[in-house]
Amino acid sequence: MGPTKAIIKDQALYEASTGKFIKDGFASRHEIDDYVKHHYLALPVIDNAGNAWQLDGKPIYCYRGSQYETVDDRRVHLARCPDCGGMGIRADEFVVESDCIRCTQCGHEFDARLEMMET
C-alpha cells in the first residue's frame, strides 16, 4: 500500500478516490508540494507546463520514479516525454528491439529503454 493519492482543487487537497477533504489554506503550489512530501501523500504527475497527466479522464501517479498507476491502483506502462514532460504511451508496434513510446501531448516518438541508457 502506497501513499494516499490526492488531487488539488481550489488550493485544497482531497483524496482522489473518495473526494474526502484533506487540507486547505495553501498560498502556493510550493506549500502544497511541501505538505505532500511530509504527510505520505502523492499528487498526479504533471508535464513541464504544469498540466496533470490523465488516462481515460483519471489522474496518473508515479512511484519510485518509473512506476505509474491510476487512481484505482492499476499499473500502466507509461513514460515521461523528454521534450515536453508529457505522458508517453507505448505505440501499437510490437518489435522486440524497440519500446516505442509516443507522447500524447506533442507527438514525439522515443524509445524508453534507449533514453534510460543515454542518461
N, C-alpha and C. Protein backbone atom coordinates (compact mmCIF):
# COMPACT_ATOMS: atom_id res chain seq x y z
N MET A 1 0.85 -1.18 0.00
CA MET A 1 0.00 0.00 0.00
C MET A 1 0.89 1.23 0.00
N GLY A 2 0.66 2.11 -0.95
CA GLY A 2 1.47 3.30 -1.09
C GLY A 2 0.83 4.50 -0.42
N PRO A 3 1.38 5.66 -0.72
CA PRO A 3 0.83 6.89 -0.14
C PRO A 3 -0.60 7.14 -0.64
N THR A 4 -1.33 7.97 0.09
CA THR A 4 -2.68 8.35 -0.30
C THR A 4 -2.62 9.21 -1.55
N LYS A 5 -3.37 8.84 -2.56
CA LYS A 5 -3.41 9.59 -3.81
C LYS A 5 -4.34 10.79 -3.62
N ALA A 6 -3.79 11.97 -3.87
CA ALA A 6 -4.53 13.20 -3.65
C ALA A 6 -4.65 14.01 -4.94
N ILE A 7 -5.62 14.92 -4.96
CA ILE A 7 -5.77 15.86 -6.06
C ILE A 7 -5.91 17.25 -5.47
N ILE A 8 -5.63 18.25 -6.29
CA ILE A 8 -5.73 19.65 -5.86
C ILE A 8 -6.96 20.27 -6.51
N LYS A 9 -7.81 20.88 -5.69
CA LYS A 9 -8.97 21.64 -6.17
C LYS A 9 -9.01 22.94 -5.39
N ASP A 10 -8.93 24.06 -6.09
CA ASP A 10 -9.02 25.38 -5.45
C ASP A 10 -8.06 25.54 -4.27
N GLN A 11 -6.80 25.21 -4.48
CA GLN A 11 -5.75 25.32 -3.46
C GLN A 11 -6.03 24.50 -2.21
N ALA A 12 -6.77 23.40 -2.37
CA ALA A 12 -7.03 22.47 -1.26
C ALA A 12 -6.74 21.05 -1.75
N LEU A 13 -6.42 20.17 -0.81
CA LEU A 13 -6.13 18.77 -1.13
C LEU A 13 -7.32 17.88 -0.77
N TYR A 14 -7.61 16.94 -1.67
CA TYR A 14 -8.68 15.97 -1.48
C TYR A 14 -8.17 14.59 -1.86
N GLU A 15 -8.72 13.55 -1.23
CA GLU A 15 -8.38 12.19 -1.64
C GLU A 15 -8.93 11.98 -3.04
N ALA A 16 -8.12 11.41 -3.92
CA ALA A 16 -8.51 11.24 -5.31
C ALA A 16 -9.64 10.23 -5.48
N SER A 17 -9.63 9.16 -4.71
CA SER A 17 -10.63 8.10 -4.90
C SER A 17 -11.98 8.41 -4.26
N THR A 18 -11.98 9.09 -3.13
CA THR A 18 -13.23 9.33 -2.40
C THR A 18 -13.70 10.78 -2.43
N GLY A 19 -12.79 11.70 -2.72
CA GLY A 19 -13.14 13.12 -2.68
C GLY A 19 -13.12 13.70 -1.28
N LYS A 20 -12.69 12.90 -0.31
CA LYS A 20 -12.64 13.34 1.08
C LYS A 20 -11.63 14.48 1.25
N PHE A 21 -12.05 15.53 1.96
CA PHE A 21 -11.21 16.70 2.22
C PHE A 21 -10.01 16.32 3.08
N ILE A 22 -8.81 16.83 2.69
CA ILE A 22 -7.60 16.57 3.47
C ILE A 22 -7.15 17.85 4.18
N LYS A 23 -6.90 18.92 3.40
CA LYS A 23 -6.43 20.18 3.99
C LYS A 23 -6.56 21.30 2.97
N ASP A 24 -6.78 22.52 3.47
CA ASP A 24 -6.83 23.69 2.58
C ASP A 24 -6.01 24.82 3.19
N GLY A 25 -6.08 26.00 2.59
CA GLY A 25 -5.36 27.15 3.11
C GLY A 25 -3.96 27.31 2.56
N PHE A 26 -3.66 26.65 1.47
CA PHE A 26 -2.33 26.76 0.86
C PHE A 26 -2.26 28.04 0.02
N ALA A 27 -1.16 28.76 0.15
CA ALA A 27 -0.99 30.00 -0.61
C ALA A 27 -0.33 29.79 -1.97
N SER A 28 0.38 28.66 -2.12
CA SER A 28 1.10 28.43 -3.39
C SER A 28 1.25 26.93 -3.64
N ARG A 29 1.65 26.60 -4.85
CA ARG A 29 1.91 25.21 -5.20
C ARG A 29 3.09 24.68 -4.40
N HIS A 30 4.06 25.55 -4.11
CA HIS A 30 5.22 25.15 -3.31
C HIS A 30 4.78 24.67 -1.91
N GLU A 31 3.82 25.37 -1.30
CA GLU A 31 3.32 24.96 0.02
C GLU A 31 2.62 23.61 -0.06
N ILE A 32 1.86 23.39 -1.13
CA ILE A 32 1.18 22.11 -1.32
C ILE A 32 2.21 20.99 -1.46
N ASP A 33 3.21 21.20 -2.32
CA ASP A 33 4.26 20.19 -2.52
C ASP A 33 4.98 19.87 -1.22
N ASP A 34 5.27 20.88 -0.42
CA ASP A 34 5.94 20.68 0.86
C ASP A 34 5.06 19.86 1.80
N TYR A 35 3.79 20.17 1.86
CA TYR A 35 2.86 19.42 2.73
C TYR A 35 2.77 17.96 2.29
N VAL A 36 2.66 17.73 0.98
CA VAL A 36 2.56 16.38 0.43
C VAL A 36 3.79 15.55 0.78
N LYS A 37 4.96 16.14 0.68
CA LYS A 37 6.20 15.42 0.98
C LYS A 37 6.28 14.96 2.43
N HIS A 38 5.66 15.70 3.33
CA HIS A 38 5.76 15.39 4.76
C HIS A 38 4.57 14.62 5.32
N HIS A 39 3.57 14.30 4.49
CA HIS A 39 2.37 13.64 5.00
C HIS A 39 1.96 12.40 4.22
N TYR A 40 2.90 11.73 3.58
CA TYR A 40 2.68 10.47 2.88
C TYR A 40 1.50 10.56 1.90
N LEU A 41 1.55 11.60 1.06
CA LEU A 41 0.55 11.80 0.02
C LEU A 41 1.25 11.79 -1.33
N ALA A 42 0.49 11.55 -2.38
CA ALA A 42 1.03 11.60 -3.74
C ALA A 42 0.10 12.45 -4.60
N LEU A 43 0.70 13.27 -5.45
CA LEU A 43 -0.06 14.10 -6.38
C LEU A 43 0.08 13.54 -7.79
N PRO A 44 -0.85 13.86 -8.67
CA PRO A 44 -0.73 13.38 -10.05
C PRO A 44 0.54 13.90 -10.71
N VAL A 45 1.05 13.13 -11.66
CA VAL A 45 2.22 13.53 -12.44
C VAL A 45 1.82 14.73 -13.29
N ILE A 46 2.73 15.71 -13.41
CA ILE A 46 2.46 16.88 -14.25
C ILE A 46 3.54 17.01 -15.31
N ASP A 47 3.18 17.63 -16.44
CA ASP A 47 4.14 17.87 -17.50
C ASP A 47 4.92 19.15 -17.21
N ASN A 48 5.79 19.55 -18.13
CA ASN A 48 6.62 20.74 -17.92
C ASN A 48 5.80 22.02 -17.83
N ALA A 49 4.58 22.02 -18.39
CA ALA A 49 3.72 23.20 -18.35
C ALA A 49 2.82 23.22 -17.12
N GLY A 50 2.88 22.17 -16.29
CA GLY A 50 2.08 22.12 -15.07
C GLY A 50 0.73 21.45 -15.23
N ASN A 51 0.48 20.81 -16.37
CA ASN A 51 -0.79 20.10 -16.59
C ASN A 51 -0.67 18.66 -16.11
N ALA A 52 -1.68 18.18 -15.40
CA ALA A 52 -1.67 16.82 -14.86
C ALA A 52 -1.90 15.80 -15.97
N TRP A 53 -1.17 14.69 -15.88
CA TRP A 53 -1.38 13.58 -16.81
C TRP A 53 -2.73 12.94 -16.50
N GLN A 54 -3.45 12.56 -17.55
CA GLN A 54 -4.72 11.86 -17.38
C GLN A 54 -4.83 10.74 -18.39
N LEU A 55 -5.34 9.62 -17.94
CA LEU A 55 -5.60 8.47 -18.80
C LEU A 55 -7.05 8.09 -18.59
N ASP A 56 -7.83 8.14 -19.65
CA ASP A 56 -9.27 7.89 -19.57
C ASP A 56 -9.95 8.83 -18.58
N GLY A 57 -9.48 10.08 -18.52
CA GLY A 57 -10.08 11.09 -17.66
C GLY A 57 -9.70 10.99 -16.19
N LYS A 58 -8.76 10.10 -15.86
CA LYS A 58 -8.35 9.93 -14.47
C LYS A 58 -6.87 10.26 -14.32
N PRO A 59 -6.49 10.86 -13.18
CA PRO A 59 -5.08 11.23 -12.99
C PRO A 59 -4.17 10.03 -12.85
N ILE A 60 -2.90 10.25 -13.20
CA ILE A 60 -1.86 9.22 -13.13
C ILE A 60 -0.87 9.61 -12.04
N TYR A 61 -0.44 8.62 -11.26
CA TYR A 61 0.52 8.83 -10.17
C TYR A 61 1.79 8.04 -10.46
N CYS A 62 2.92 8.55 -9.97
CA CYS A 62 4.20 7.90 -10.21
C CYS A 62 4.85 7.56 -8.87
N TYR A 63 5.35 6.31 -8.77
CA TYR A 63 6.06 5.87 -7.58
C TYR A 63 7.44 5.38 -7.97
N ARG A 64 8.40 5.66 -7.15
CA ARG A 64 9.79 5.22 -7.35
C ARG A 64 10.37 5.69 -8.68
N GLY A 65 9.86 6.76 -9.21
CA GLY A 65 10.42 7.37 -10.41
C GLY A 65 10.04 6.76 -11.73
N SER A 66 9.46 5.54 -11.72
CA SER A 66 9.15 4.91 -13.01
C SER A 66 7.91 4.03 -13.00
N GLN A 67 7.27 3.84 -11.88
CA GLN A 67 6.07 3.01 -11.81
C GLN A 67 4.85 3.92 -11.81
N TYR A 68 4.03 3.79 -12.83
CA TYR A 68 2.86 4.64 -12.97
C TYR A 68 1.60 3.86 -12.65
N GLU A 69 0.66 4.52 -11.93
CA GLU A 69 -0.59 3.90 -11.52
C GLU A 69 -1.76 4.84 -11.71
N THR A 70 -2.94 4.25 -11.91
CA THR A 70 -4.17 5.03 -11.96
C THR A 70 -4.70 5.18 -10.53
N VAL A 71 -5.78 5.92 -10.37
CA VAL A 71 -6.38 6.11 -9.06
C VAL A 71 -6.79 4.78 -8.44
N ASP A 72 -7.24 3.85 -9.27
CA ASP A 72 -7.69 2.55 -8.76
C ASP A 72 -6.55 1.51 -8.66
N ASP A 73 -5.31 1.97 -8.55
CA ASP A 73 -4.12 1.14 -8.32
C ASP A 73 -3.75 0.23 -9.49
N ARG A 74 -4.25 0.51 -10.68
CA ARG A 74 -3.90 -0.28 -11.86
C ARG A 74 -2.58 0.26 -12.42
N ARG A 75 -1.59 -0.63 -12.55
CA ARG A 75 -0.30 -0.22 -13.12
C ARG A 75 -0.43 -0.05 -14.62
N VAL A 76 0.16 1.01 -15.15
CA VAL A 76 0.12 1.28 -16.58
C VAL A 76 1.53 1.54 -17.08
N HIS A 77 1.80 1.12 -18.32
CA HIS A 77 3.13 1.31 -18.90
C HIS A 77 3.16 2.66 -19.59
N LEU A 78 3.76 3.64 -18.92
CA LEU A 78 3.88 5.00 -19.44
C LEU A 78 5.32 5.45 -19.27
N ALA A 79 5.66 6.55 -19.91
CA ALA A 79 6.99 7.15 -19.76
C ALA A 79 6.87 8.65 -19.96
N ARG A 80 7.78 9.38 -19.33
CA ARG A 80 7.80 10.84 -19.46
C ARG A 80 8.48 11.22 -20.76
N CYS A 81 7.86 12.12 -21.52
CA CYS A 81 8.44 12.62 -22.77
C CYS A 81 9.66 13.49 -22.44
N PRO A 82 10.79 13.22 -23.08
CA PRO A 82 11.99 14.02 -22.80
C PRO A 82 11.89 15.46 -23.31
N ASP A 83 10.95 15.74 -24.21
CA ASP A 83 10.81 17.09 -24.76
C ASP A 83 9.90 17.97 -23.91
N CYS A 84 8.65 17.53 -23.69
CA CYS A 84 7.67 18.38 -23.03
C CYS A 84 7.26 17.89 -21.64
N GLY A 85 7.72 16.70 -21.25
CA GLY A 85 7.34 16.15 -19.95
C GLY A 85 5.96 15.53 -19.96
N GLY A 86 5.35 15.41 -21.14
CA GLY A 86 4.02 14.84 -21.27
C GLY A 86 4.01 13.34 -21.10
N MET A 87 2.81 12.78 -21.16
CA MET A 87 2.62 11.35 -20.97
C MET A 87 2.87 10.59 -22.25
N GLY A 88 3.81 9.66 -22.20
CA GLY A 88 4.12 8.83 -23.35
C GLY A 88 3.50 7.46 -23.20
N ILE A 89 2.81 7.01 -24.25
CA ILE A 89 2.15 5.71 -24.26
C ILE A 89 2.81 4.83 -25.30
N ARG A 90 2.94 3.56 -24.99
CA ARG A 90 3.56 2.60 -25.92
C ARG A 90 2.77 2.57 -27.22
N ALA A 91 3.49 2.64 -28.34
CA ALA A 91 2.87 2.55 -29.67
C ALA A 91 2.43 1.11 -29.91
N ASP A 92 1.52 0.91 -30.84
CA ASP A 92 0.96 -0.40 -31.11
C ASP A 92 1.92 -1.35 -31.82
N GLU A 93 3.08 -0.84 -32.23
CA GLU A 93 4.04 -1.69 -32.93
C GLU A 93 4.75 -2.58 -31.92
N PHE A 94 4.73 -3.88 -32.16
CA PHE A 94 5.39 -4.81 -31.26
C PHE A 94 6.68 -5.30 -31.90
N VAL A 95 7.78 -4.66 -31.56
CA VAL A 95 9.08 -5.01 -32.10
C VAL A 95 9.97 -5.34 -30.91
N VAL A 96 10.66 -6.44 -30.98
CA VAL A 96 11.48 -6.91 -29.87
C VAL A 96 12.59 -5.93 -29.52
N GLU A 97 13.22 -5.34 -30.54
CA GLU A 97 14.37 -4.48 -30.30
C GLU A 97 13.98 -3.09 -29.82
N SER A 98 12.71 -2.74 -29.86
CA SER A 98 12.30 -1.38 -29.58
C SER A 98 11.17 -1.35 -28.56
N ASP A 99 11.09 -0.27 -27.84
CA ASP A 99 10.00 0.00 -26.92
C ASP A 99 9.50 1.39 -27.29
N CYS A 100 8.87 1.52 -28.44
CA CYS A 100 8.49 2.82 -28.99
C CYS A 100 7.36 3.45 -28.17
N ILE A 101 7.63 4.64 -27.69
CA ILE A 101 6.68 5.40 -26.89
C ILE A 101 6.33 6.68 -27.65
N ARG A 102 5.05 7.04 -27.66
CA ARG A 102 4.60 8.27 -28.33
C ARG A 102 3.94 9.19 -27.31
N CYS A 103 4.40 10.44 -27.27
CA CYS A 103 3.86 11.43 -26.34
C CYS A 103 2.45 11.83 -26.80
N THR A 104 1.50 11.82 -25.88
CA THR A 104 0.13 12.19 -26.20
C THR A 104 -0.03 13.69 -26.37
N GLN A 105 0.92 14.45 -25.87
CA GLN A 105 0.82 15.90 -25.92
C GLN A 105 1.50 16.49 -27.16
N CYS A 106 2.75 16.14 -27.39
CA CYS A 106 3.50 16.76 -28.50
C CYS A 106 3.72 15.81 -29.68
N GLY A 107 3.41 14.52 -29.51
CA GLY A 107 3.56 13.56 -30.59
C GLY A 107 4.96 13.01 -30.77
N HIS A 108 5.91 13.44 -29.94
CA HIS A 108 7.29 12.97 -30.04
C HIS A 108 7.35 11.45 -29.83
N GLU A 109 8.10 10.75 -30.66
CA GLU A 109 8.29 9.30 -30.50
C GLU A 109 9.70 9.05 -29.99
N PHE A 110 9.80 8.17 -29.01
CA PHE A 110 11.11 7.87 -28.43
C PHE A 110 11.10 6.44 -27.91
N ASP A 111 12.29 5.90 -27.69
CA ASP A 111 12.46 4.55 -27.16
C ASP A 111 12.82 4.70 -25.69
N ALA A 112 11.95 4.28 -24.80
CA ALA A 112 12.16 4.47 -23.37
C ALA A 112 13.43 3.80 -22.88
N ARG A 113 13.72 2.60 -23.37
CA ARG A 113 14.93 1.89 -22.93
C ARG A 113 16.17 2.62 -23.41
N LEU A 114 16.15 3.14 -24.64
CA LEU A 114 17.29 3.88 -25.17
C LEU A 114 17.50 5.16 -24.40
N GLU A 115 16.41 5.86 -24.05
CA GLU A 115 16.50 7.10 -23.27
C GLU A 115 17.15 6.83 -21.92
N MET A 116 16.79 5.72 -21.26
CA MET A 116 17.37 5.41 -19.94
C MET A 116 18.86 5.11 -20.08
N MET A 117 19.26 4.43 -21.14
CA MET A 117 20.66 4.08 -21.31
C MET A 117 21.51 5.33 -21.59
N GLU A 118 20.93 6.33 -22.24
CA GLU A 118 21.68 7.54 -22.58
C GLU A 118 21.85 8.47 -21.40
N THR A 119 20.98 8.36 -20.37
CA THR A 119 21.08 9.28 -19.23
C THR A 119 21.82 8.69 -18.08
